[in-house]
Amino acid sequence: MRWRDPVHFSHVAEMVKKQRTAPINEFEISHDSSSNTWHVEGAGLQRFVQMTNWSG
């Protein structure tokens, strides 16, 4: 087995940092007319939803 050159993951770390610091009010809303569903996407909003106890 041959070892490959080291890979730099700074771009991955930067992307993770950007997602972790994304404001909750930065999101996009789109509508899929074929299924008549709305989609809301945003890193800050996703973090909020994951941390919220929706069961009561």
Protein backbone atom coordinates (compact mmCIF):
# COMPACT_ATOMS: atom_id res chain seq x y z
CA MET A 1 0.00 0.00 0.00
CA ARG A 2 1.36 3.40 -0.97
CA TRP A 3 0.86 6.44 1.24
CA ARG A 4 -0.55 9.52 -0.38
CA ASP A 5 0.63 13.05 0.20
CA PRO A 6 -0.91 14.80 3.22
CA VAL A 7 -4.23 16.41 2.46
CA HIS A 8 -5.02 19.87 3.76
CA PHE A 9 -8.45 20.12 5.32
CA SER A 10 -8.44 23.84 6.05
CA HIS A 11 -11.31 24.37 3.59
CA VAL A 12 -13.40 21.81 5.48
CA ALA A 13 -12.63 23.46 8.83
CA GLU A 14 -13.56 26.85 7.39
CA MET A 15 -16.88 25.50 6.09
CA VAL A 16 -17.71 23.96 9.50
CA LYS A 17 -16.81 27.20 11.27
CA LYS A 18 -19.02 29.18 8.88
CA GLN A 19 -21.97 26.84 9.51
CA ARG A 20 -21.51 27.00 13.30
CA THR A 21 -21.53 30.80 13.31
CA ALA A 22 -24.34 31.28 10.78
CA PRO A 23 -27.06 33.64 12.05
CA ILE A 24 -30.53 32.19 12.51
CA ASN A 25 -32.03 34.83 10.21
CA GLU A 26 -30.00 33.76 7.16
CA PHE A 27 -32.09 31.15 5.37
CA GLU A 28 -33.70 30.45 2.01
CA ILE A 29 -37.25 29.37 1.28
CA SER A 30 -38.14 27.48 -1.87
CA HIS A 31 -41.34 25.90 -3.16
CA ASP A 32 -41.59 22.61 -5.03
CA SER A 33 -44.71 22.89 -7.16
CA SER A 34 -44.70 19.22 -8.16
CA SER A 35 -45.20 18.09 -4.55
CA ASN A 36 -46.61 21.41 -3.29
CA THR A 37 -44.09 21.51 -0.44
CA TRP A 38 -42.02 24.35 0.97
CA HIS A 39 -38.34 23.92 1.90
CA VAL A 40 -36.51 26.13 4.38
CA GLU A 41 -32.71 25.87 4.47
CA GLY A 42 -30.21 27.63 6.68
CA ALA A 43 -27.38 26.52 8.97
CA GLY A 44 -28.40 28.76 11.90
CA LEU A 45 -32.03 27.72 11.66
CA GLN A 46 -31.02 24.06 11.43
CA ARG A 47 -28.98 24.38 14.65
CA PHE A 48 -31.98 25.94 16.41
CA VAL A 49 -34.31 23.14 15.29
CA GLN A 50 -31.85 20.46 16.42
CA MET A 51 -31.55 22.01 19.90
CA THR A 52 -35.29 22.54 20.41
CA ASN A 53 -37.36 20.05 22.38
CA TRP A 54 -40.49 19.82 20.26
CA SER A 55 -42.16 17.17 22.45
CA GLY A 56 -43.50 19.58 24.97
